[in-house]
Amino acid sequence: QDINYYSVGWVDWNQALNMIGGPLFLGNALDAPIIVNEGADEFYQQPTFFALTHVSKFFKRGDLRIDAIPSDNSVKSAAVLKEDGTVAVVVLNTGEEDTAITISVDGSRFINTDILAKSFNSFLVPP
């Protein structure tokens, strides 16, 4: 959602935290994309880690954000225009049911597909 409101970057203050959400500054436990289990010498990648990784593979510095307007309230989307004319679209279905979507670029390039319930999807629309 932030991408659609003119943000130009993302700062995740707590990229990695320990098993209780710290180190704690104000006594409030937090979540992070990576949780470190020092005792087991392991780390766990949380869903936010994969979401940030996914979007960063498709949206790059220099891309131009363009409107992505879903017609279904359970679908969230963002899109960018790449230098070569390709449009990258990231779509999140927050709904409990699969949803049919149509991605239209300039009324001349289309992708019609179904996206699964509770899924995160990416599409590249060629020039």
N, C-alpha and C. Protein backbone atom coordinates (compact mmCIF):
# COMPACT_ATOMS: atom_id res chain seq x y z
N GLN A 1 0.82 -1.19 0.00
CA GLN A 1 0.00 0.00 0.00
C GLN A 1 0.86 1.25 0.00
N ASP A 2 1.96 1.26 0.73
CA ASP A 2 2.82 2.44 0.78
C ASP A 2 3.33 2.82 -0.61
N ILE A 3 3.58 1.82 -1.45
CA ILE A 3 4.10 2.08 -2.78
C ILE A 3 3.13 2.94 -3.58
N ASN A 4 1.84 2.77 -3.37
CA ASN A 4 0.84 3.54 -4.10
C ASN A 4 0.67 4.96 -3.58
N TYR A 5 1.34 5.31 -2.51
CA TYR A 5 1.20 6.65 -1.94
C TYR A 5 2.53 7.37 -1.91
N TYR A 6 3.27 7.25 -3.01
CA TYR A 6 4.45 8.06 -3.30
C TYR A 6 5.65 7.81 -2.40
N SER A 7 5.72 6.67 -1.76
CA SER A 7 6.95 6.36 -1.03
C SER A 7 8.02 6.01 -2.05
N VAL A 8 9.25 6.31 -1.72
CA VAL A 8 10.35 6.00 -2.63
C VAL A 8 11.31 5.00 -2.01
N GLY A 9 11.00 4.53 -0.84
CA GLY A 9 11.85 3.56 -0.19
C GLY A 9 11.14 2.95 0.99
N TRP A 10 11.78 1.96 1.55
CA TRP A 10 11.21 1.28 2.71
C TRP A 10 12.33 1.05 3.69
N VAL A 11 12.10 1.42 4.94
CA VAL A 11 13.08 1.15 5.98
C VAL A 11 12.41 0.22 6.99
N ASP A 12 12.98 -0.94 7.16
CA ASP A 12 12.49 -1.86 8.18
C ASP A 12 13.48 -1.77 9.33
N TRP A 13 13.09 -1.03 10.34
CA TRP A 13 13.98 -0.73 11.46
C TRP A 13 14.51 -2.00 12.11
N ASN A 14 13.66 -2.99 12.24
CA ASN A 14 14.04 -4.24 12.89
C ASN A 14 14.09 -5.36 11.86
N GLN A 15 15.16 -5.44 11.12
CA GLN A 15 15.29 -6.50 10.12
C GLN A 15 15.44 -7.87 10.78
N ALA A 16 16.12 -7.90 11.94
CA ALA A 16 16.31 -9.16 12.66
C ALA A 16 16.20 -8.90 14.16
N LEU A 17 15.42 -9.73 14.83
CA LEU A 17 15.26 -9.62 16.28
C LEU A 17 15.43 -11.01 16.90
N ASN A 18 15.57 -11.03 18.23
CA ASN A 18 15.71 -12.31 18.92
C ASN A 18 14.33 -12.95 19.16
N MET A 19 14.32 -14.07 19.83
CA MET A 19 13.09 -14.86 20.02
C MET A 19 12.01 -14.15 20.82
N ILE A 20 12.37 -13.13 21.60
CA ILE A 20 11.35 -12.41 22.38
C ILE A 20 11.08 -11.02 21.81
N GLY A 21 11.55 -10.80 20.58
CA GLY A 21 11.25 -9.53 19.91
C GLY A 21 12.18 -8.41 20.31
N GLY A 22 13.36 -8.71 20.75
CA GLY A 22 14.28 -7.67 21.18
C GLY A 22 15.56 -7.71 20.38
N PRO A 23 16.54 -6.94 20.75
CA PRO A 23 16.64 -6.25 22.03
C PRO A 23 15.53 -5.21 22.20
N LEU A 24 15.05 -5.15 23.43
CA LEU A 24 13.93 -4.29 23.76
C LEU A 24 14.41 -2.93 24.26
N PHE A 25 13.82 -1.89 23.76
CA PHE A 25 14.16 -0.54 24.19
C PHE A 25 13.12 -0.03 25.17
N LEU A 26 11.86 -0.14 24.80
CA LEU A 26 10.77 0.36 25.65
C LEU A 26 10.01 -0.77 26.34
N GLY A 27 10.52 -1.98 26.25
CA GLY A 27 9.84 -3.10 26.88
C GLY A 27 8.75 -3.70 26.03
N ASN A 28 8.63 -3.23 24.79
CA ASN A 28 7.59 -3.77 23.92
C ASN A 28 8.21 -4.74 22.92
N ALA A 29 7.71 -5.95 22.87
CA ALA A 29 8.21 -6.96 21.95
C ALA A 29 7.74 -6.63 20.53
N LEU A 30 8.61 -6.80 19.57
CA LEU A 30 8.30 -6.48 18.18
C LEU A 30 8.48 -7.71 17.30
N ASP A 31 8.00 -7.60 16.09
CA ASP A 31 8.19 -8.66 15.11
C ASP A 31 9.19 -8.16 14.07
N ALA A 32 9.76 -9.07 13.32
CA ALA A 32 10.75 -8.70 12.31
C ALA A 32 10.73 -9.73 11.19
N PRO A 33 11.26 -9.37 10.02
CA PRO A 33 11.33 -10.34 8.94
C PRO A 33 12.20 -11.56 9.26
N ILE A 34 13.19 -11.37 10.14
CA ILE A 34 14.06 -12.48 10.53
C ILE A 34 14.10 -12.57 12.05
N ILE A 35 13.85 -13.75 12.59
CA ILE A 35 13.94 -14.00 14.03
C ILE A 35 15.17 -14.87 14.27
N VAL A 36 16.01 -14.44 15.20
CA VAL A 36 17.26 -15.15 15.49
C VAL A 36 17.11 -15.94 16.78
N ASN A 37 17.38 -17.23 16.71
CA ASN A 37 17.38 -18.10 17.88
C ASN A 37 18.84 -18.39 18.20
N GLU A 38 19.40 -17.55 19.08
CA GLU A 38 20.83 -17.67 19.40
C GLU A 38 21.17 -19.01 20.05
N GLY A 39 20.27 -19.50 20.89
CA GLY A 39 20.52 -20.76 21.60
C GLY A 39 20.68 -21.94 20.66
N ALA A 40 19.93 -21.95 19.59
CA ALA A 40 19.99 -23.05 18.63
C ALA A 40 20.87 -22.72 17.43
N ASP A 41 21.43 -21.51 17.43
CA ASP A 41 22.26 -21.05 16.31
C ASP A 41 21.48 -21.16 14.99
N GLU A 42 20.23 -20.64 15.02
CA GLU A 42 19.33 -20.70 13.86
C GLU A 42 18.68 -19.34 13.66
N PHE A 43 18.13 -19.16 12.48
CA PHE A 43 17.29 -18.00 12.24
C PHE A 43 16.08 -18.45 11.43
N TYR A 44 14.99 -17.70 11.57
CA TYR A 44 13.73 -18.06 10.92
C TYR A 44 13.26 -16.88 10.07
N GLN A 45 12.99 -17.17 8.82
CA GLN A 45 12.50 -16.14 7.92
C GLN A 45 10.97 -16.10 8.01
N GLN A 46 10.47 -14.96 8.42
CA GLN A 46 9.03 -14.75 8.61
C GLN A 46 8.36 -14.39 7.27
N PRO A 47 7.03 -14.43 7.20
CA PRO A 47 6.32 -14.05 5.97
C PRO A 47 6.70 -12.66 5.45
N THR A 48 6.95 -11.70 6.34
CA THR A 48 7.33 -10.36 5.86
C THR A 48 8.66 -10.39 5.11
N PHE A 49 9.57 -11.28 5.50
CA PHE A 49 10.84 -11.42 4.79
C PHE A 49 10.57 -11.79 3.33
N PHE A 50 9.70 -12.76 3.13
CA PHE A 50 9.41 -13.22 1.77
C PHE A 50 8.64 -12.17 0.97
N ALA A 51 7.75 -11.43 1.62
CA ALA A 51 7.02 -10.36 0.93
C ALA A 51 7.98 -9.26 0.47
N LEU A 52 8.87 -8.81 1.34
CA LEU A 52 9.84 -7.78 0.96
C LEU A 52 10.77 -8.28 -0.14
N THR A 53 11.21 -9.52 -0.04
CA THR A 53 12.08 -10.10 -1.05
C THR A 53 11.36 -10.18 -2.40
N HIS A 54 10.11 -10.61 -2.36
CA HIS A 54 9.32 -10.76 -3.58
C HIS A 54 9.16 -9.43 -4.31
N VAL A 55 8.71 -8.41 -3.59
CA VAL A 55 8.49 -7.11 -4.22
C VAL A 55 9.80 -6.54 -4.75
N SER A 56 10.88 -6.70 -4.00
CA SER A 56 12.16 -6.11 -4.42
C SER A 56 12.73 -6.78 -5.67
N LYS A 57 12.25 -7.97 -6.02
CA LYS A 57 12.69 -8.61 -7.26
C LYS A 57 12.04 -7.98 -8.48
N PHE A 58 10.89 -7.37 -8.31
CA PHE A 58 10.14 -6.82 -9.43
C PHE A 58 10.18 -5.30 -9.51
N PHE A 59 10.31 -4.63 -8.37
CA PHE A 59 10.34 -3.17 -8.34
C PHE A 59 11.76 -2.72 -8.04
N LYS A 60 12.36 -2.01 -8.98
CA LYS A 60 13.76 -1.61 -8.87
C LYS A 60 13.89 -0.08 -8.94
N ARG A 61 15.04 0.40 -8.45
CA ARG A 61 15.36 1.82 -8.55
C ARG A 61 15.26 2.23 -10.02
N GLY A 62 14.62 3.36 -10.26
CA GLY A 62 14.46 3.85 -11.62
C GLY A 62 13.12 3.49 -12.25
N ASP A 63 12.41 2.52 -11.69
CA ASP A 63 11.07 2.20 -12.18
C ASP A 63 10.13 3.35 -11.85
N LEU A 64 9.12 3.54 -12.68
CA LEU A 64 8.14 4.60 -12.49
C LEU A 64 6.84 3.98 -11.99
N ARG A 65 6.39 4.41 -10.81
CA ARG A 65 5.13 3.89 -10.28
C ARG A 65 3.98 4.38 -11.14
N ILE A 66 3.09 3.47 -11.47
CA ILE A 66 1.89 3.82 -12.24
C ILE A 66 0.67 3.33 -11.46
N ASP A 67 -0.49 3.85 -11.83
CA ASP A 67 -1.71 3.46 -11.11
C ASP A 67 -2.02 1.98 -11.29
N ALA A 68 -2.43 1.38 -10.21
CA ALA A 68 -2.93 0.00 -10.21
C ALA A 68 -4.22 0.05 -9.39
N ILE A 69 -5.34 -0.05 -10.05
CA ILE A 69 -6.63 0.19 -9.40
C ILE A 69 -7.45 -1.09 -9.42
N PRO A 70 -7.45 -1.85 -8.32
CA PRO A 70 -8.26 -3.08 -8.29
C PRO A 70 -9.75 -2.75 -8.15
N SER A 71 -10.57 -3.63 -8.72
CA SER A 71 -12.01 -3.44 -8.63
C SER A 71 -12.63 -4.27 -7.52
N ASP A 72 -11.82 -5.05 -6.82
CA ASP A 72 -12.29 -5.91 -5.74
C ASP A 72 -11.61 -5.46 -4.45
N ASN A 73 -12.38 -5.24 -3.39
CA ASN A 73 -11.82 -4.75 -2.13
C ASN A 73 -10.84 -5.71 -1.48
N SER A 74 -10.91 -6.99 -1.82
CA SER A 74 -9.99 -7.96 -1.21
C SER A 74 -8.67 -8.06 -1.98
N VAL A 75 -8.55 -7.32 -3.08
CA VAL A 75 -7.34 -7.34 -3.89
C VAL A 75 -6.60 -6.01 -3.73
N LYS A 76 -5.33 -6.10 -3.41
CA LYS A 76 -4.45 -4.93 -3.30
C LYS A 76 -3.40 -5.07 -4.39
N SER A 77 -3.00 -3.96 -4.99
CA SER A 77 -2.03 -4.06 -6.07
C SER A 77 -1.17 -2.82 -6.16
N ALA A 78 -0.02 -2.99 -6.78
CA ALA A 78 0.89 -1.89 -7.10
C ALA A 78 1.56 -2.25 -8.41
N ALA A 79 1.92 -1.22 -9.18
CA ALA A 79 2.53 -1.46 -10.48
C ALA A 79 3.60 -0.42 -10.78
N VAL A 80 4.59 -0.84 -11.57
CA VAL A 80 5.63 0.07 -12.03
C VAL A 80 5.88 -0.15 -13.51
N LEU A 81 6.30 0.93 -14.16
CA LEU A 81 6.71 0.88 -15.55
C LEU A 81 8.23 0.84 -15.59
N LYS A 82 8.77 -0.17 -16.25
CA LYS A 82 10.21 -0.33 -16.35
C LYS A 82 10.73 0.40 -17.58
N GLU A 83 12.02 0.67 -17.60
CA GLU A 83 12.63 1.43 -18.70
C GLU A 83 12.38 0.82 -20.07
N ASP A 84 12.26 -0.51 -20.14
CA ASP A 84 12.05 -1.17 -21.44
C ASP A 84 10.58 -1.23 -21.86
N GLY A 85 9.68 -0.63 -21.05
CA GLY A 85 8.26 -0.62 -21.37
C GLY A 85 7.47 -1.73 -20.73
N THR A 86 8.15 -2.67 -20.08
CA THR A 86 7.47 -3.73 -19.34
C THR A 86 6.78 -3.13 -18.12
N VAL A 87 5.61 -3.64 -17.80
CA VAL A 87 4.91 -3.23 -16.59
C VAL A 87 4.96 -4.40 -15.61
N ALA A 88 5.46 -4.13 -14.40
CA ALA A 88 5.48 -5.13 -13.33
C ALA A 88 4.32 -4.82 -12.39
N VAL A 89 3.54 -5.85 -12.09
CA VAL A 89 2.37 -5.70 -11.21
C VAL A 89 2.47 -6.72 -10.08
N VAL A 90 2.33 -6.25 -8.86
CA VAL A 90 2.29 -7.14 -7.70
C VAL A 90 0.88 -7.08 -7.15
N VAL A 91 0.27 -8.26 -6.94
CA VAL A 91 -1.13 -8.35 -6.53
C VAL A 91 -1.24 -9.22 -5.29
N LEU A 92 -1.95 -8.73 -4.29
CA LEU A 92 -2.20 -9.45 -3.05
C LEU A 92 -3.69 -9.71 -2.94
N ASN A 93 -4.07 -10.98 -2.84
CA ASN A 93 -5.47 -11.34 -2.60
C ASN A 93 -5.63 -11.62 -1.11
N THR A 94 -6.26 -10.72 -0.39
CA THR A 94 -6.46 -10.89 1.05
C THR A 94 -7.74 -11.65 1.36
N GLY A 95 -8.50 -11.97 0.32
CA GLY A 95 -9.79 -12.62 0.51
C GLY A 95 -9.69 -14.10 0.83
N GLU A 96 -10.81 -14.66 1.24
CA GLU A 96 -10.92 -16.07 1.59
C GLU A 96 -11.21 -16.97 0.39
N GLU A 97 -11.40 -16.34 -0.78
CA GLU A 97 -11.74 -17.11 -1.98
C GLU A 97 -10.81 -16.75 -3.13
N ASP A 98 -10.63 -17.70 -4.05
CA ASP A 98 -9.89 -17.43 -5.27
C ASP A 98 -10.64 -16.32 -6.02
N THR A 99 -9.89 -15.53 -6.78
CA THR A 99 -10.49 -14.39 -7.47
C THR A 99 -9.97 -14.32 -8.90
N ALA A 100 -10.86 -14.07 -9.83
CA ALA A 100 -10.46 -13.85 -11.22
C ALA A 100 -10.09 -12.38 -11.36
N ILE A 101 -8.95 -12.12 -12.00
CA ILE A 101 -8.54 -10.73 -12.22
C ILE A 101 -8.17 -10.53 -13.69
N THR A 102 -8.27 -9.27 -14.10
CA THR A 102 -7.79 -8.85 -15.40
C THR A 102 -6.84 -7.68 -15.17
N ILE A 103 -5.64 -7.81 -15.70
CA ILE A 103 -4.68 -6.72 -15.66
C ILE A 103 -4.70 -6.09 -17.05
N SER A 104 -4.98 -4.81 -17.09
CA SER A 104 -5.07 -4.10 -18.37
C SER A 104 -4.06 -2.96 -18.35
N VAL A 105 -3.24 -2.90 -19.38
CA VAL A 105 -2.27 -1.81 -19.52
C VAL A 105 -2.64 -1.03 -20.78
N ASP A 106 -3.02 0.21 -20.59
CA ASP A 106 -3.39 1.10 -21.71
C ASP A 106 -4.52 0.56 -22.57
N GLY A 107 -5.29 -0.38 -22.05
CA GLY A 107 -6.40 -0.94 -22.82
C GLY A 107 -5.96 -1.77 -24.00
N SER A 108 -4.65 -2.07 -24.07
CA SER A 108 -4.17 -2.82 -25.23
C SER A 108 -3.39 -4.08 -24.85
N ARG A 109 -2.95 -4.16 -23.63
CA ARG A 109 -2.21 -5.33 -23.16
C ARG A 109 -2.98 -5.89 -21.97
N PHE A 110 -3.29 -7.19 -22.00
CA PHE A 110 -4.14 -7.79 -20.97
C PHE A 110 -3.55 -9.08 -20.44
N ILE A 111 -3.79 -9.32 -19.15
CA ILE A 111 -3.56 -10.63 -18.54
C ILE A 111 -4.83 -10.97 -17.80
N ASN A 112 -5.43 -12.11 -18.14
CA ASN A 112 -6.60 -12.63 -17.43
C ASN A 112 -6.17 -13.88 -16.70
N THR A 113 -6.40 -13.91 -15.39
CA THR A 113 -5.96 -15.07 -14.62
C THR A 113 -6.77 -15.17 -13.32
N ASP A 114 -6.65 -16.29 -12.68
CA ASP A 114 -7.22 -16.49 -11.35
C ASP A 114 -6.09 -16.45 -10.34
N ILE A 115 -6.33 -15.79 -9.21
CA ILE A 115 -5.35 -15.79 -8.14
C ILE A 115 -5.96 -16.47 -6.91
N LEU A 116 -5.15 -17.24 -6.25
CA LEU A 116 -5.62 -18.00 -5.10
C LEU A 116 -5.95 -17.10 -3.92
N ALA A 117 -6.84 -17.59 -3.06
CA ALA A 117 -7.16 -16.88 -1.82
C ALA A 117 -5.87 -16.73 -1.00
N LYS A 118 -5.75 -15.61 -0.32
CA LYS A 118 -4.61 -15.36 0.57
C LYS A 118 -3.28 -15.55 -0.15
N SER A 119 -3.17 -15.01 -1.36
CA SER A 119 -1.94 -15.23 -2.13
C SER A 119 -1.30 -13.91 -2.56
N PHE A 120 -0.03 -14.00 -2.86
CA PHE A 120 0.80 -12.89 -3.29
C PHE A 120 1.31 -13.25 -4.68
N ASN A 121 1.06 -12.40 -5.66
CA ASN A 121 1.33 -12.74 -7.06
C ASN A 121 2.06 -11.61 -7.77
N SER A 122 2.83 -11.95 -8.79
CA SER A 122 3.53 -10.96 -9.60
C SER A 122 3.30 -11.26 -11.07
N PHE A 123 3.24 -10.19 -11.84
CA PHE A 123 3.03 -10.33 -13.28
C PHE A 123 3.92 -9.34 -14.01
N LEU A 124 4.48 -9.77 -15.12
CA LEU A 124 5.21 -8.88 -16.00
C LEU A 124 4.43 -8.80 -17.30
N VAL A 125 4.02 -7.58 -17.66
CA VAL A 125 3.29 -7.36 -18.89
C VAL A 125 4.29 -6.79 -19.90
N PRO A 126 4.60 -7.56 -20.95
CA PRO A 126 5.64 -7.11 -21.90
C PRO A 126 5.20 -5.86 -22.66
N PRO A 127 6.20 -5.14 -23.20
CA PRO A 127 5.87 -3.92 -23.95
C PRO A 127 5.07 -4.21 -25.21
